[in-house]
Amino acid sequence: MKKYNKLIINNLKCSFRNNIFIYLLFVVLILLSCIYLKNGVMHGESVGSGDYYFNIIKGVEKIYSNNKLKEIPFIYLGFAIFISYITGQILENECNKIFIIYAGTRKKWILSKITAIFINIVFMYMTAAIICFMSGKRKITFNSELFEKYFGTDYFIQNNENKFLYILVFFAAPIIASFAISMVQIAFSLAVKNVAGFIISMIIYIISIFDINIFLPGNGCMAQRSSLFMENGLSVPQVIIIDIIIIVITLIIQLKIISVKDIL
C-alpha cells in the first residue's frame, strides 16, 4: 500500500511539474469567467458563489430540433481540453519507465495512473469551486434574476428545494462524468496511441453538446441538462449510475489490454 501511495504521489508531482502552465491557464479561465459574469453580465451588481459556479459548470441548454446553439459553451470545452490533455500527460510521461519498474506489476502501474487522474479531476473542479466561493465573497447564494434572464433557467427558481440534488449536480455528476470520459480515453490510449485517446475524449465531449442522452457522459458535466434546471431533464442519479458502469467496463478493458501489451 505504501508503494502504491508513493506511485500516486509521484504521478501527481510529475503532472504538476510538467503542466504548471496548463494549470495556470485553467485558473485564468475560471477567473475570466467570474470577471465576465460580474462586470459583463451583472454590471457590477451582487453575484453569489452559486451563480459563479453554475456559470462554470452549466454547459449549454437544451438544443431543439433546429440544432442551433444559442451559445458556444467555452468553459465546458475548456474543461474538456484541460482534463483530456492532463489525462494523457499523466498516462504517458517521461517518468513512466521508472514508475513501471517501481510498481513491480502492470496492475499497480495502471491503477496508480487512474487514481492520479481521478485526483487531478477532483482538484480541478474543487479549484474552480474555491475560486467561485472567494469571488462570491464566501456567500453561497443564487440570484433568481440572473438565472431567469441570463442562464434561462426559470424552472430552477421554482424547483430548488432538494438540497441533496445540489451536491449531485454541482459536484458528483461532473466529476464522475469527466472521470468516465477519461477512462474511455485511457482505454483508447493503451489500445492505440495517446493522441487517439485524446481525440476520442474530445469527440465524446463535443457530441454531448448536441444530444441530451444519458449514455453520453458529457451530459453529466453540464448542470443545465439535469432535472434540477430543466423540465424533463436528465435524472442525475441515473446519469451517475451509467457513468460508473462505463468506468467499471473500461477498467476491465484496460486491465486486459495491459496484460498483453508491452508497456515499457
Protein backbone atom coordinates (compact mmCIF):
# COMPACT_ATOMS: atom_id res chain seq x y z
CA MET A 1 0.00 0.00 0.00
CA LYS A 2 2.91 2.31 0.83
CA LYS A 3 4.43 1.72 -2.60
CA TYR A 4 1.05 2.30 -4.28
CA ASN A 5 0.55 5.62 -2.46
CA LYS A 6 4.07 6.70 -3.43
CA LEU A 7 3.33 5.90 -7.06
CA ILE A 8 0.21 8.09 -6.98
CA ILE A 9 2.10 10.97 -5.34
CA ASN A 10 4.95 10.70 -7.86
CA ASN A 11 2.47 10.69 -10.78
CA LEU A 12 0.83 13.84 -9.43
CA LYS A 13 4.19 15.52 -8.81
CA CYS A 14 5.29 14.73 -12.34
CA SER A 15 1.99 16.03 -13.71
CA PHE A 16 2.18 19.33 -11.83
CA ARG A 17 5.83 19.84 -12.71
CA ASN A 18 5.26 19.21 -16.43
CA ASN A 19 1.93 21.02 -16.74
CA ILE A 20 2.24 24.04 -14.44
CA PHE A 21 1.49 26.36 -17.36
CA ILE A 22 -1.68 24.37 -18.21
CA TYR A 23 -2.89 24.60 -14.62
CA LEU A 24 -2.25 28.36 -14.62
CA LEU A 25 -4.23 28.70 -17.86
CA PHE A 26 -7.06 26.77 -16.21
CA VAL A 27 -7.11 29.19 -13.25
CA VAL A 28 -7.10 32.14 -15.67
CA LEU A 29 -10.12 30.63 -17.50
CA ILE A 30 -12.08 30.40 -14.23
CA LEU A 31 -11.11 33.92 -13.17
CA LEU A 32 -12.07 35.38 -16.56
CA SER A 33 -15.43 33.62 -16.35
CA CYS A 34 -16.09 35.16 -12.92
CA ILE A 35 -14.99 38.63 -14.07
CA TYR A 36 -17.22 38.42 -17.16
CA LEU A 37 -20.26 37.36 -15.13
CA LYS A 38 -19.70 40.13 -12.59
CA ASN A 39 -18.88 43.00 -14.95
CA GLY A 40 -20.10 41.93 -18.38
CA VAL A 41 -23.47 40.47 -17.38
CA MET A 42 -24.40 41.88 -13.99
CA HIS A 43 -22.54 45.20 -14.50
CA GLY A 44 -21.06 45.20 -11.02
CA GLU A 45 -24.17 44.04 -9.17
CA SER A 46 -24.03 41.38 -6.46
CA VAL A 47 -23.22 37.87 -7.66
CA GLY A 48 -23.17 34.89 -5.29
CA SER A 49 -20.80 31.93 -5.24
CA GLY A 50 -23.58 29.68 -6.53
CA ASP A 51 -24.04 31.94 -9.57
CA TYR A 52 -20.32 31.93 -10.33
CA TYR A 53 -20.00 28.16 -10.02
CA PHE A 54 -23.14 27.44 -12.03
CA ASN A 55 -21.76 29.65 -14.80
CA ILE A 56 -18.67 27.39 -14.81
CA ILE A 57 -20.49 24.03 -15.00
CA LYS A 58 -23.77 24.94 -16.71
CA GLY A 59 -22.69 23.80 -20.17
CA VAL A 60 -25.37 24.61 -22.72
CA GLU A 61 -29.16 24.49 -22.54
CA LYS A 62 -31.47 22.11 -24.33
CA ILE A 63 -30.97 22.02 -28.11
CA TYR A 64 -34.18 22.00 -30.09
CA SER A 65 -34.93 20.39 -33.47
CA ASN A 66 -33.19 23.12 -35.47
CA ASN A 67 -29.93 22.07 -33.78
CA LYS A 68 -28.69 25.64 -33.47
CA LEU A 69 -26.65 26.50 -30.42
CA LYS A 70 -27.60 29.72 -28.69
CA GLU A 71 -24.06 29.98 -27.39
CA ILE A 72 -20.80 28.10 -27.57
CA PRO A 73 -20.03 26.51 -24.17
CA PHE A 74 -16.46 27.82 -23.96
CA ILE A 75 -15.93 26.91 -20.31
CA TYR A 76 -17.28 23.38 -20.79
CA LEU A 77 -14.94 22.91 -23.76
CA GLY A 78 -12.09 24.47 -21.77
CA PHE A 79 -12.60 21.91 -19.01
CA ALA A 80 -12.73 19.16 -21.64
CA ILE A 81 -9.42 20.20 -23.21
CA PHE A 82 -7.59 20.69 -19.90
CA ILE A 83 -8.79 17.41 -18.36
CA SER A 84 -8.18 15.38 -21.54
CA TYR A 85 -4.72 16.85 -22.05
CA ILE A 86 -3.58 16.26 -18.47
CA THR A 87 -5.08 12.75 -18.51
CA GLY A 88 -2.86 11.99 -21.49
CA GLN A 89 0.16 13.57 -19.80
CA ILE A 90 -0.28 11.52 -16.60
CA LEU A 91 -0.73 8.34 -18.62
CA GLU A 92 2.37 8.91 -20.73
CA ASN A 93 5.16 11.00 -19.25
CA GLU A 94 8.94 10.81 -19.13
CA CYS A 95 8.84 9.16 -15.69
CA ASN A 96 6.88 6.14 -16.95
CA LYS A 97 9.73 3.62 -17.16
CA ILE A 98 10.78 4.41 -13.60
CA PHE A 99 7.16 4.13 -12.40
CA ILE A 100 6.64 0.79 -14.18
CA ILE A 101 9.80 -0.72 -12.68
CA TYR A 102 8.97 0.66 -9.22
CA ALA A 103 5.36 -0.57 -9.38
CA GLY A 104 6.51 -4.13 -9.98
CA THR A 105 3.24 -5.16 -11.65
CA ARG A 106 1.27 -3.82 -14.60
CA LYS A 107 -1.90 -3.72 -12.50
CA LYS A 108 -0.36 -1.48 -9.83
CA TRP A 109 1.06 0.77 -12.52
CA ILE A 110 -2.24 1.39 -14.33
CA LEU A 111 -4.26 1.68 -11.10
CA SER A 112 -1.83 4.32 -9.79
CA LYS A 113 -2.27 6.25 -13.06
CA ILE A 114 -6.07 6.01 -12.87
CA THR A 115 -6.10 7.18 -9.25
CA ALA A 116 -3.81 10.12 -10.06
CA ILE A 117 -6.10 11.10 -12.96
CA PHE A 118 -9.18 10.96 -10.71
CA ILE A 119 -7.45 13.11 -8.07
CA ASN A 120 -6.48 15.60 -10.78
CA ILE A 121 -10.12 15.86 -11.95
CA VAL A 122 -11.35 16.41 -8.38
CA PHE A 123 -8.60 19.01 -7.88
CA MET A 124 -9.67 20.95 -10.98
CA TYR A 125 -13.35 21.08 -10.03
CA MET A 126 -12.52 21.95 -6.41
CA THR A 127 -10.15 24.71 -7.59
CA ALA A 128 -12.98 26.17 -9.69
CA ALA A 129 -15.37 25.91 -6.72
CA ILE A 130 -12.91 27.67 -4.36
CA ILE A 131 -12.28 30.50 -6.84
CA CYS A 132 -16.05 30.95 -7.27
CA PHE A 133 -16.55 30.82 -3.49
CA MET A 134 -13.96 33.54 -2.95
CA SER A 135 -15.31 35.62 -5.86
CA GLY A 136 -18.78 35.49 -4.30
CA LYS A 137 -17.37 36.86 -1.03
CA ARG A 138 -17.94 33.45 0.58
CA LYS A 139 -21.73 33.74 0.20
CA ILE A 140 -23.34 30.64 -1.31
CA THR A 141 -26.36 32.33 -2.86
CA PHE A 142 -28.24 32.32 -6.16
CA ASN A 143 -29.57 35.38 -7.96
CA SER A 144 -33.03 34.46 -9.31
CA GLU A 145 -32.96 37.34 -11.80
CA LEU A 146 -29.64 36.14 -13.18
CA PHE A 147 -30.92 32.57 -13.54
CA GLU A 148 -34.06 33.70 -15.31
CA LYS A 149 -32.63 36.32 -17.67
CA TYR A 150 -29.05 35.22 -18.40
CA PHE A 151 -29.00 31.49 -17.68
CA GLY A 152 -32.57 31.00 -18.93
CA THR A 153 -33.40 28.53 -16.15
CA ASP A 154 -36.62 29.84 -14.62
CA TYR A 155 -37.55 26.20 -13.94
CA PHE A 156 -34.80 26.11 -11.27
CA ILE A 157 -36.29 29.09 -9.42
CA GLN A 158 -39.48 27.13 -8.79
CA ASN A 159 -37.87 23.75 -8.08
CA ASN A 160 -34.77 24.27 -5.94
CA GLU A 161 -35.84 22.74 -2.64
CA ASN A 162 -33.88 19.50 -2.96
CA LYS A 163 -30.54 20.42 -1.35
CA PHE A 164 -29.01 16.94 -1.81
CA LEU A 165 -29.54 17.30 -5.56
CA TYR A 166 -27.27 20.37 -5.49
CA ILE A 167 -24.34 18.18 -4.39
CA LEU A 168 -25.05 15.62 -7.10
CA VAL A 169 -25.48 18.19 -9.89
CA PHE A 170 -22.71 20.60 -8.89
CA PHE A 171 -20.01 18.16 -7.81
CA ALA A 172 -20.67 14.41 -8.03
CA ALA A 173 -22.08 14.30 -11.58
CA PRO A 174 -19.44 16.44 -13.34
CA ILE A 175 -16.53 14.78 -11.52
CA ILE A 176 -17.76 11.23 -12.20
CA ALA A 177 -18.72 12.10 -15.80
CA SER A 178 -15.30 13.62 -16.52
CA PHE A 179 -13.65 10.57 -14.95
CA ALA A 180 -15.77 8.22 -17.10
CA ILE A 181 -14.64 10.04 -20.25
CA SER A 182 -11.02 9.93 -19.04
CA MET A 183 -11.37 6.17 -18.52
CA VAL A 184 -12.53 5.77 -22.13
CA GLN A 185 -9.57 7.95 -23.15
CA ILE A 186 -7.15 5.73 -21.20
CA ALA A 187 -8.53 2.59 -22.85
CA PHE A 188 -8.06 4.01 -26.36
CA SER A 189 -4.63 5.40 -25.45
CA LEU A 190 -3.48 1.97 -24.27
CA ALA A 191 -5.02 0.16 -27.25
CA VAL A 192 -3.87 2.59 -29.95
CA LYS A 193 -1.94 5.76 -29.11
CA ASN A 194 -2.13 8.62 -26.64
CA VAL A 195 -3.31 11.02 -29.32
CA ALA A 196 -6.14 8.64 -30.28
CA GLY A 197 -7.36 8.65 -26.69
CA PHE A 198 -7.32 12.45 -26.61
CA ILE A 199 -9.30 12.67 -29.87
CA ILE A 200 -11.90 10.16 -28.66
CA SER A 201 -12.27 12.06 -25.40
CA MET A 202 -12.87 15.36 -27.21
CA ILE A 203 -15.34 13.69 -29.59
CA ILE A 204 -17.39 12.47 -26.61
CA TYR A 205 -17.39 15.95 -25.04
CA ILE A 206 -18.39 17.60 -28.33
CA ILE A 207 -21.09 15.09 -29.31
CA SER A 208 -22.61 15.50 -25.84
CA ILE A 209 -23.25 19.17 -26.62
CA PHE A 210 -25.63 18.21 -29.44
CA ASP A 211 -27.51 15.35 -27.81
CA ILE A 212 -29.17 15.11 -24.40
CA ASN A 213 -28.53 11.44 -23.86
CA ILE A 214 -27.97 9.61 -20.60
CA PHE A 215 -25.39 7.37 -22.32
CA LEU A 216 -23.20 10.32 -23.36
CA PRO A 217 -21.05 11.12 -20.28
CA GLY A 218 -20.51 14.74 -21.33
CA ASN A 219 -24.10 15.49 -20.31
CA GLY A 220 -23.16 14.86 -16.70
CA CYS A 221 -20.68 17.75 -16.92
CA MET A 222 -23.46 20.18 -17.89
CA ALA A 223 -25.65 21.12 -14.93
CA GLN A 224 -28.18 22.78 -17.22
CA ARG A 225 -29.09 19.35 -18.65
CA SER A 226 -30.20 18.00 -15.26
CA SER A 227 -33.74 17.74 -13.89
CA LEU A 228 -32.82 20.45 -11.36
CA PHE A 229 -32.54 23.07 -14.11
CA MET A 230 -34.68 21.69 -16.92
CA GLU A 231 -38.18 20.27 -17.08
CA ASN A 232 -37.86 16.68 -18.30
CA GLY A 233 -34.12 16.99 -17.79
CA LEU A 234 -31.81 14.06 -17.12
CA SER A 235 -32.10 12.20 -13.82
CA VAL A 236 -28.76 12.87 -12.12
CA PRO A 237 -28.68 9.60 -10.11
CA GLN A 238 -29.26 7.66 -13.35
CA VAL A 239 -26.51 9.63 -15.11
CA ILE A 240 -24.10 8.82 -12.28
CA ILE A 241 -25.00 5.10 -12.36
CA ILE A 242 -24.42 4.92 -16.14
CA ASP A 243 -21.07 6.70 -15.74
CA ILE A 244 -19.99 4.27 -13.01
CA ILE A 245 -20.88 1.35 -15.29
CA ILE A 246 -18.73 2.94 -18.04
CA ILE A 247 -15.88 3.32 -15.54
CA VAL A 248 -16.07 -0.35 -14.49
CA ILE A 249 -16.26 -1.65 -18.08
CA THR A 250 -13.35 0.49 -19.28
CA LEU A 251 -11.27 -0.55 -16.24
CA ILE A 252 -11.76 -4.23 -17.16
CA ILE A 253 -10.76 -3.43 -20.76
CA GLN A 254 -7.67 -1.52 -19.61
CA LEU A 255 -6.52 -4.40 -17.39
CA LYS A 256 -6.99 -6.80 -20.29
CA ILE A 257 -5.01 -4.56 -22.66
CA ILE A 258 -2.01 -4.09 -20.36
CA SER A 259 -1.92 -7.82 -19.59
CA VAL A 260 -0.89 -8.47 -23.20
CA LYS A 261 0.76 -5.19 -24.20
CA ASP A 262 4.40 -4.22 -23.80
CA ILE A 263 4.18 -1.04 -21.73
CA LEU A 264 7.91 -0.44 -21.35
